[in-house]
Amino acid sequence: MGARRGRVVAVGVGVAGQRRGDRPAQRDRRRGGHPAGALDRPAPDLQGAGRARQGREPRPDHDHAGGPRPGRHDQGGRPHRHPGRLRRPRAGRERPGGRRPGRHRLPQRRHHPDDRLDPVRRSPPMTGRPAFWVWLLGVVMGVLLVYTTLVPQARVFTIGTLIALCVLVPVLLVAFWLFTRIRPLRAAPIGYAWMALAWGGLAAFAVAFLANTAFSAILSKTTAPLFADRWADAIVAPLDEETAKLAGVALIALIAPWVMSGALAGFGYGAIIGLAFQIVEDLLYVFNTIIATGGIEQSGDTVESLIARLVYSAWWSHWAMTAVAGAGLGYAIARTDRTPATRVTVAVSAWIVAMFMHAWWDSPLLPDSTFAKGIPLLVIAIVVFIAARHLDRRSIAYGDPQRVSHTWGKVE
């Protein structure tokens, strides 16, 4: 059929005439006429057209009539300027069935080992982890202790309690917001930060309160009265309180391992735990000050205690000590590319440094030099924060294996 069509064009008006357009010939074709040379064409077999098409040899590309076919691609024997635009047969027609395979027939893409799902979704529920029940037990114990020790005093010293809460609660919220702006904590669910806050203000406070009472009694009976009176706080409090607060960071890491992405995450959660512990302890010191002065001037005693606790010690108190210990623990948990000995050494060293910071602050040395004792503690906390932040940024830039992201497929 194509060959006869080409013969008609060649015999009739020619290539040039076909390009310019032969009006009568075109009119005859539209009206169903039969131009010269087309009468000998056999009648089309409509029923056998499909079978004839299947048995016909495939036509070569751009050779429908044995010669150049006139049209937009004909350049008078010259090569086409854009050969890629020439008509090509559809790739799907070369396959059996004459069409491309559907989407459901394509092989499914298997996940690459690096294509990890969201750890929050693929992890077991929180209640399925034993560490959660340990955390819950500690919080419940803290609630009971606070209810039996602080609430009765708050009912007696109502004015002092209201003044203290009006000052301590805003300080707690502002400091909590600042610590949650640290990169790993900002990226992780906020619920873990609230869990750290509850552990520090309830569980760690209860454990330290009971342990300090028992340890102080043992120390007073086994040492000289003068030594126990001067050094009991520097010996008992660092060991009990720093261990209880650091246990909260460890529980957060056991409940949600992916949030402990490095030293910076441990620093942030440790700072929150120490902050909550410090606020509850400030309230306890307010009550102790009121009781020591006889409870006559509650407002004045409360303000005096708050100034001493917030202005002169809040900048380098419990939050800084627990943050240093938490940074070491976060490093040990996340840096799986290091040897176990290195990781344990860093964690234990940070814990010991935190206890020494606490002992230095509670020691009778330099009793009249508050800033001389406190500024070194703040410097240590800042140095640890800068080092932890440097490690966190490097792990993001180079994709270190210890980086466990939170969204957790990519790191912000």
Protein backbone atom coordinates (compact mmCIF):
# COMPACT_ATOMS: atom_id res chain seq x y z
CA MET A 1 0.00 0.00 0.00
CA GLY A 2 2.81 2.37 0.85
CA ALA A 3 4.72 1.52 -2.32
CA ARG A 4 1.72 2.25 -4.54
CA ARG A 5 1.13 5.52 -2.76
CA GLY A 6 4.68 6.53 -3.47
CA ARG A 7 4.23 5.62 -7.14
CA VAL A 8 1.14 7.78 -7.36
CA VAL A 9 3.03 10.75 -5.97
CA ALA A 10 5.93 10.20 -8.34
CA VAL A 11 3.74 9.82 -11.43
CA GLY A 12 1.40 12.63 -10.52
CA VAL A 13 2.67 15.98 -9.44
CA GLY A 14 6.07 15.01 -8.08
CA VAL A 15 7.76 15.89 -4.89
CA ALA A 16 7.83 19.61 -5.48
CA GLY A 17 4.20 19.72 -6.49
CA GLN A 18 3.18 17.66 -3.52
CA ARG A 19 4.99 20.09 -1.21
CA ARG A 20 3.33 23.10 -2.81
CA GLY A 21 0.01 21.28 -2.88
CA ASP A 22 -1.98 20.04 -5.87
CA ARG A 23 -5.42 21.40 -5.20
CA PRO A 24 -7.37 19.15 -7.65
CA ALA A 25 -5.62 15.98 -6.48
CA GLN A 26 -6.22 16.83 -2.85
CA ARG A 27 -9.85 17.59 -3.62
CA ASP A 28 -10.27 14.24 -5.37
CA ARG A 29 -8.80 12.38 -2.41
CA ARG A 30 -11.15 14.13 0.00
CA ARG A 31 -14.18 13.36 -2.20
CA GLY A 32 -13.23 9.71 -2.54
CA GLY A 33 -12.04 10.03 -6.08
CA HIS A 34 -9.48 7.77 -7.68
CA PRO A 35 -6.43 9.57 -9.04
CA ALA A 36 -4.55 8.15 -11.92
CA GLY A 37 -2.67 4.98 -11.07
CA ALA A 38 -4.80 4.17 -8.04
CA LEU A 39 -7.46 2.04 -9.85
CA ASP A 40 -5.22 -0.98 -9.94
CA ARG A 41 -5.00 -0.97 -6.13
CA PRO A 42 -6.79 -3.99 -4.63
CA ALA A 43 -9.84 -3.38 -2.48
CA PRO A 44 -9.09 -3.38 1.22
CA ASP A 45 -9.98 -6.53 3.11
CA LEU A 46 -11.45 -5.17 6.32
CA GLN A 47 -11.88 -8.56 7.97
CA GLY A 48 -8.40 -9.80 7.18
CA ALA A 49 -6.64 -6.52 7.77
CA GLY A 50 -5.56 -7.54 11.20
CA ARG A 51 -4.21 -10.91 10.05
CA ALA A 52 -2.42 -9.34 7.11
CA ARG A 53 -0.86 -6.74 9.37
CA GLN A 54 0.43 -9.45 11.71
CA GLY A 55 2.07 -11.42 8.92
CA ARG A 56 3.61 -8.42 7.19
CA GLU A 57 7.31 -7.73 7.51
CA PRO A 58 8.14 -4.65 9.60
CA ARG A 59 8.78 -1.61 7.49
CA PRO A 60 12.19 0.02 7.80
CA ASP A 61 12.37 3.41 9.44
CA HIS A 62 11.72 6.33 7.05
CA ASP A 63 11.49 4.05 4.04
CA HIS A 64 7.75 3.63 3.55
CA ALA A 65 7.82 3.89 -0.25
CA GLY A 66 11.26 2.68 -1.20
CA GLY A 67 12.40 6.27 -1.49
CA PRO A 68 12.27 9.56 0.33
CA ARG A 69 8.77 10.37 1.45
CA PRO A 70 7.78 13.99 0.99
CA GLY A 71 6.92 15.91 4.07
CA ARG A 72 8.38 18.00 6.85
CA HIS A 73 11.45 15.73 7.18
CA ASP A 74 12.33 15.84 3.51
CA GLN A 75 15.36 18.08 2.95
CA GLY A 76 16.01 17.29 -0.69
CA GLY A 77 18.61 14.60 -0.01
CA ARG A 78 20.38 16.59 2.67
CA PRO A 79 20.71 15.21 6.22
CA HIS A 80 18.18 16.49 8.67
CA ARG A 81 19.35 19.19 11.01
CA HIS A 82 17.90 17.36 14.06
CA PRO A 83 17.99 13.63 13.34
CA GLY A 84 16.79 12.88 16.86
CA ARG A 85 13.44 14.44 16.01
CA LEU A 86 12.76 12.01 13.18
CA ARG A 87 9.96 9.61 13.76
CA ARG A 88 10.89 6.40 15.51
CA PRO A 89 8.71 3.40 16.15
CA ARG A 90 7.38 3.19 19.68
CA ALA A 91 9.41 0.90 21.85
CA GLY A 92 6.32 -0.74 23.23
CA ARG A 93 5.27 -2.07 19.83
CA GLU A 94 8.34 -4.27 19.62
CA ARG A 95 7.23 -6.23 22.70
CA PRO A 96 4.65 -9.02 22.54
CA GLY A 97 1.22 -7.60 22.96
CA GLY A 98 2.11 -4.22 21.47
CA ARG A 99 2.21 -2.25 24.74
CA ARG A 100 4.51 -1.55 27.59
CA PRO A 101 4.12 -3.47 30.82
CA GLY A 102 1.88 -1.86 33.38
CA ARG A 103 3.06 -0.44 36.64
CA HIS A 104 1.85 -3.49 38.51
CA ARG A 105 3.99 -5.73 36.28
CA LEU A 106 7.23 -3.91 37.03
CA PRO A 107 9.51 -5.48 39.65
CA GLN A 108 9.09 -3.91 43.04
CA ARG A 109 12.00 -1.83 44.33
CA ARG A 110 13.60 -3.42 47.33
CA HIS A 111 14.81 -1.25 50.15
CA HIS A 112 18.49 -0.58 50.26
CA PRO A 113 20.16 -1.41 53.59
CA ASP A 114 20.63 2.31 54.12
CA ASP A 115 16.92 3.03 53.59
CA ARG A 116 15.83 2.92 57.18
CA LEU A 117 12.36 3.46 58.46
CA ASP A 118 11.45 5.99 61.10
CA PRO A 119 12.85 4.62 64.37
CA VAL A 120 9.93 6.10 66.27
CA ARG A 121 7.43 4.07 64.22
CA ARG A 122 9.33 0.82 64.00
CA SER A 123 10.27 0.77 67.69
CA PRO A 124 8.26 -1.20 70.24
CA PRO A 125 5.82 0.76 72.39
CA MET A 126 7.23 2.67 75.32
CA THR A 127 5.42 0.46 77.80
CA GLY A 128 7.23 -2.55 76.38
CA ARG A 129 10.58 -1.34 77.67
CA PRO A 130 11.56 -2.16 81.27
CA ALA A 131 13.31 1.21 81.58
CA PHE A 132 9.96 2.96 81.27
CA TRP A 133 8.60 1.16 84.31
CA VAL A 134 11.73 2.02 86.27
CA TRP A 135 11.23 5.66 85.32
CA LEU A 136 7.55 5.50 86.28
CA LEU A 137 8.36 3.87 89.62
CA GLY A 138 10.86 6.62 90.41
CA VAL A 139 8.40 9.36 89.48
CA VAL A 140 5.64 7.83 91.62
CA MET A 141 8.05 7.55 94.54
CA GLY A 142 8.99 11.20 94.04
CA VAL A 143 5.35 12.28 94.03
CA LEU A 144 4.75 10.45 97.31
CA LEU A 145 7.84 12.00 98.92
CA VAL A 146 6.98 15.52 97.79
CA TYR A 147 3.43 15.06 99.03
CA THR A 148 4.59 13.92 102.46
CA THR A 149 7.44 16.41 102.97
CA LEU A 150 6.87 19.60 100.99
CA VAL A 151 3.10 19.83 100.80
CA PRO A 152 2.57 19.99 104.60
CA GLN A 153 5.13 22.79 104.85
CA ALA A 154 3.51 24.61 101.94
CA ARG A 155 0.18 24.54 103.77
CA VAL A 156 1.76 26.10 106.85
CA PHE A 157 3.89 28.73 105.08
CA THR A 158 1.36 29.86 102.49
CA ILE A 159 2.82 33.31 101.82
CA GLY A 160 6.34 32.01 101.38
CA THR A 161 5.10 29.22 99.12
CA LEU A 162 3.21 31.61 96.84
CA ILE A 163 6.16 33.98 96.54
CA ALA A 164 8.53 31.11 95.81
CA LEU A 165 6.25 29.58 93.18
CA CYS A 166 5.73 32.94 91.45
CA VAL A 167 9.50 33.21 91.03
CA LEU A 168 10.58 29.59 90.53
CA VAL A 169 7.95 28.50 88.01
CA PRO A 170 8.81 31.20 85.39
CA VAL A 171 12.51 30.51 85.88
CA LEU A 172 11.86 26.81 85.34
CA LEU A 173 9.83 27.36 82.17
CA VAL A 174 12.29 29.81 80.61
CA ALA A 175 15.31 27.64 81.35
CA PHE A 176 13.46 24.54 80.12
CA TRP A 177 12.66 26.30 76.84
CA LEU A 178 16.29 27.35 76.41
CA PHE A 179 17.58 23.81 76.95
CA THR A 180 15.05 22.35 74.54
CA ARG A 181 16.45 24.66 71.84
CA ILE A 182 19.59 22.53 71.71
CA ARG A 183 19.67 20.82 68.32
CA PRO A 184 19.06 17.14 69.29
CA LEU A 185 16.38 18.08 71.81
CA ARG A 186 14.69 20.46 69.39
CA ALA A 187 14.52 17.70 66.81
CA ALA A 188 13.35 14.93 69.14
CA PRO A 189 9.79 14.66 70.48
CA ILE A 190 9.23 17.07 73.35
CA GLY A 191 7.81 14.30 75.52
CA TYR A 192 11.27 12.97 76.33
CA ALA A 193 12.30 16.38 77.64
CA TRP A 194 9.24 16.41 79.91
CA MET A 195 10.17 12.93 81.10
CA ALA A 196 13.63 14.20 81.98
CA LEU A 197 12.07 17.14 83.83
CA ALA A 198 9.82 14.81 85.83
CA TRP A 199 12.73 12.55 86.73
CA GLY A 200 14.87 15.42 87.98
CA GLY A 201 12.15 17.14 89.98
CA LEU A 202 10.55 14.04 91.48
CA ALA A 203 12.50 10.78 91.20
CA ALA A 204 16.04 12.11 91.52
CA PHE A 205 14.99 14.43 94.33
CA ALA A 206 13.37 11.57 96.24
CA VAL A 207 16.35 9.23 95.81
CA ALA A 208 18.82 11.94 96.82
CA PHE A 209 16.69 13.02 99.79
CA LEU A 210 16.54 9.50 101.24
CA ALA A 211 20.16 8.64 100.39
CA ASN A 212 21.55 11.87 101.82
CA THR A 213 19.70 11.35 105.08
CA ALA A 214 20.99 7.81 105.49
CA PHE A 215 24.55 8.55 104.33
CA SER A 216 24.86 11.63 106.54
CA ALA A 217 23.79 9.61 109.57
CA ILE A 218 26.41 6.97 108.80
CA LEU A 219 29.12 9.60 108.29
CA SER A 220 28.30 11.40 111.52
CA LYS A 221 28.64 8.16 113.48
CA THR A 222 31.86 6.97 111.84
CA THR A 223 33.85 10.22 111.76
CA ALA A 224 34.63 13.09 114.10
CA PRO A 225 31.75 15.50 114.68
CA LEU A 226 33.74 18.51 113.43
CA PHE A 227 34.77 16.71 110.23
CA ALA A 228 31.25 15.47 109.58
CA ASP A 229 29.83 18.93 110.13
CA ARG A 230 32.22 20.59 107.69
CA TRP A 231 32.64 17.94 104.99
CA ALA A 232 29.42 15.92 105.07
CA ASP A 233 27.78 17.95 102.30
CA ALA A 234 30.89 17.79 100.10
CA ILE A 235 31.11 14.00 100.47
CA VAL A 236 27.51 12.80 100.61
CA ALA A 237 25.69 15.07 98.15
CA PRO A 238 28.00 14.65 95.12
CA LEU A 239 27.88 10.87 95.21
CA ASP A 240 24.15 10.47 95.83
CA GLU A 241 22.72 13.35 93.85
CA GLU A 242 24.91 13.10 90.75
CA THR A 243 24.30 9.36 90.51
CA ALA A 244 20.53 9.76 90.88
CA LYS A 245 20.39 12.52 88.27
CA LEU A 246 22.64 10.68 85.81
CA ALA A 247 20.38 7.64 86.11
CA GLY A 248 17.66 9.73 84.49
CA VAL A 249 19.81 10.31 81.40
CA ALA A 250 20.50 6.58 81.22
CA LEU A 251 16.79 5.77 81.47
CA ILE A 252 15.95 8.21 78.66
CA ALA A 253 18.59 6.49 76.52
CA LEU A 254 17.13 3.06 77.32
CA ILE A 255 13.55 4.15 76.67
CA ALA A 256 14.35 5.90 73.37
CA PRO A 257 17.87 5.07 72.13
CA TRP A 258 17.50 7.17 68.98
CA VAL A 259 17.21 10.44 70.93
CA MET A 260 20.64 9.95 72.47
CA SER A 261 22.44 10.93 69.28
CA GLY A 262 25.67 12.03 70.94
CA ALA A 263 27.29 14.09 73.65
CA LEU A 264 25.14 17.14 72.88
CA ALA A 265 21.92 15.21 73.45
CA GLY A 266 23.24 13.89 76.75
CA PHE A 267 24.24 17.43 77.72
CA GLY A 268 20.73 18.74 77.04
CA TYR A 269 18.83 16.02 78.87
CA GLY A 270 21.27 16.18 81.78
CA ALA A 271 20.81 19.94 82.02
CA ILE A 272 17.02 19.56 82.14
CA ILE A 273 17.23 16.92 84.88
CA GLY A 274 19.59 19.08 86.91
CA LEU A 275 17.37 22.12 86.38
CA ALA A 276 14.28 20.38 87.77
CA PHE A 277 16.27 19.03 90.71
CA GLN A 278 17.58 22.52 91.43
CA ILE A 279 14.12 24.15 91.39
CA VAL A 280 12.63 21.64 93.85
CA GLU A 281 15.69 21.96 96.06
CA ASP A 282 15.30 25.75 96.03
CA LEU A 283 11.76 25.34 97.33
CA LEU A 284 13.03 23.04 100.07
CA TYR A 285 15.68 25.60 101.05
CA VAL A 286 13.00 28.28 101.24
CA PHE A 287 11.11 26.21 103.80
CA ASN A 288 14.31 25.48 105.73
CA THR A 289 15.13 29.20 105.88
CA ILE A 290 11.66 30.07 107.13
CA ILE A 291 11.83 27.36 109.79
CA ALA A 292 15.33 28.41 110.88
CA THR A 293 14.18 31.99 111.51
CA GLY A 294 11.04 30.96 113.37
CA GLY A 295 8.54 31.63 110.58
CA ILE A 296 7.93 35.21 111.68
CA GLU A 297 8.87 37.01 108.45
CA GLN A 298 7.94 34.59 105.67
CA SER A 299 8.14 37.06 102.79
CA GLY A 300 11.53 38.44 103.77
CA ASP A 301 13.01 35.01 104.43
CA THR A 302 11.66 33.72 101.14
CA VAL A 303 13.14 36.58 99.12
CA GLU A 304 16.47 36.24 100.88
CA SER A 305 16.63 32.52 100.17
CA LEU A 306 15.63 32.97 96.52
CA ILE A 307 18.29 35.63 95.98
CA ALA A 308 20.96 33.38 97.44
CA ARG A 309 19.84 30.38 95.42
CA LEU A 310 19.05 32.03 92.08
CA VAL A 311 21.37 35.02 91.82
CA TYR A 312 24.48 33.58 93.42
CA SER A 313 24.31 29.89 92.54
CA ALA A 314 21.81 29.17 89.75
CA TRP A 315 24.30 29.92 86.97
CA TRP A 316 26.59 27.00 87.82
CA SER A 317 24.51 24.74 90.02
CA HIS A 318 22.94 21.31 89.40
CA TRP A 319 22.15 21.85 85.73
CA ALA A 320 25.84 22.37 84.88
CA MET A 321 27.02 19.35 86.86
CA THR A 322 24.46 16.92 85.43
CA ALA A 323 24.98 18.32 81.92
CA VAL A 324 28.68 17.45 82.08
CA ALA A 325 27.94 13.91 83.28
CA GLY A 326 25.18 13.51 80.69
CA ALA A 327 27.49 14.59 77.87
CA GLY A 328 29.92 11.82 78.75
CA LEU A 329 27.15 9.25 78.91
CA GLY A 330 25.70 10.43 75.59
CA TYR A 331 29.12 10.11 73.98
CA ALA A 332 29.52 6.57 75.30
CA ILE A 333 26.09 5.52 74.06
CA ALA A 334 26.28 7.02 70.57
CA ARG A 335 29.92 6.56 69.59
CA THR A 336 29.70 2.94 68.52
CA ASP A 337 32.71 3.47 66.26
CA ARG A 338 34.96 3.79 69.33
CA THR A 339 36.29 0.94 71.41
CA PRO A 340 34.30 -0.03 74.52
CA ALA A 341 37.22 0.96 76.72
CA THR A 342 37.24 4.48 75.28
CA ARG A 343 33.52 4.92 75.66
CA VAL A 344 33.46 3.68 79.25
CA THR A 345 36.44 5.87 80.11
CA VAL A 346 34.74 8.99 78.76
CA ALA A 347 31.47 8.26 80.59
CA VAL A 348 33.11 7.50 83.93
CA SER A 349 35.45 10.49 83.63
CA ALA A 350 32.55 12.86 82.98
CA TRP A 351 30.67 11.43 85.95
CA ILE A 352 33.70 11.91 88.22
CA VAL A 353 34.19 15.47 86.95
CA ALA A 354 30.55 16.24 87.77
CA MET A 355 30.99 14.89 91.30
CA PHE A 356 34.16 16.92 91.78
CA MET A 357 32.30 20.03 90.61
CA HIS A 358 29.59 19.35 93.17
CA ALA A 359 32.11 18.64 95.93
CA TRP A 360 34.00 21.83 95.15
CA TRP A 361 30.82 23.89 95.41
CA ASP A 362 29.71 22.29 98.72
CA SER A 363 33.16 22.26 100.29
CA PRO A 364 34.06 24.68 103.11
CA LEU A 365 36.91 26.06 100.99
CA LEU A 366 36.61 29.75 100.07
CA PRO A 367 33.41 30.27 102.06
CA ASP A 368 33.17 33.99 101.30
CA SER A 369 34.05 33.79 97.59
CA THR A 370 30.91 32.61 95.82
CA PHE A 371 31.94 33.76 92.36
CA ALA A 372 35.46 32.38 92.74
CA LYS A 373 33.95 28.97 93.39
CA GLY A 374 31.16 29.18 90.85
CA ILE A 375 32.82 30.66 87.76
CA PRO A 376 35.16 27.65 87.24
CA LEU A 377 32.09 25.38 87.25
CA LEU A 378 30.42 27.51 84.60
CA VAL A 379 33.59 27.50 82.50
CA ILE A 380 33.75 23.70 82.62
CA ALA A 381 30.11 23.44 81.52
CA ILE A 382 30.66 25.87 78.64
CA VAL A 383 33.77 24.02 77.44
CA VAL A 384 31.92 20.70 77.51
CA PHE A 385 29.01 22.25 75.61
CA ILE A 386 31.29 23.63 72.90
CA ALA A 387 33.05 20.28 72.51
CA ALA A 388 29.74 18.40 72.36
CA ARG A 389 28.37 20.88 69.83
CA HIS A 390 31.48 20.46 67.69
CA LEU A 391 31.07 16.68 67.71
CA ASP A 392 27.41 17.03 66.83
CA ARG A 393 28.12 19.30 63.86
CA ARG A 394 30.90 17.05 62.61
CA SER A 395 28.67 14.00 62.80
CA ILE A 396 26.08 15.81 60.67
CA ALA A 397 28.61 17.02 58.10
CA TYR A 398 30.45 13.73 57.65
CA GLY A 399 27.66 11.29 58.44
CA ASP A 400 29.51 9.52 61.23
CA PRO A 401 28.05 6.11 62.10
CA GLN A 402 27.28 7.20 65.64
CA ARG A 403 24.75 9.74 64.40
CA VAL A 404 21.24 8.42 65.01
CA SER A 405 18.91 10.91 63.41
CA HIS A 406 15.50 11.70 64.78
CA THR A 407 13.18 12.21 61.88
CA TRP A 408 14.90 10.18 61.86
CA GLY A 409 16.10 9.31 58.44
CA LYS A 410 17.91 12.61 57.98
CA VAL A 411 19.50 15.01 60.38
CA GLU A 412 18.56 18.65 60.51
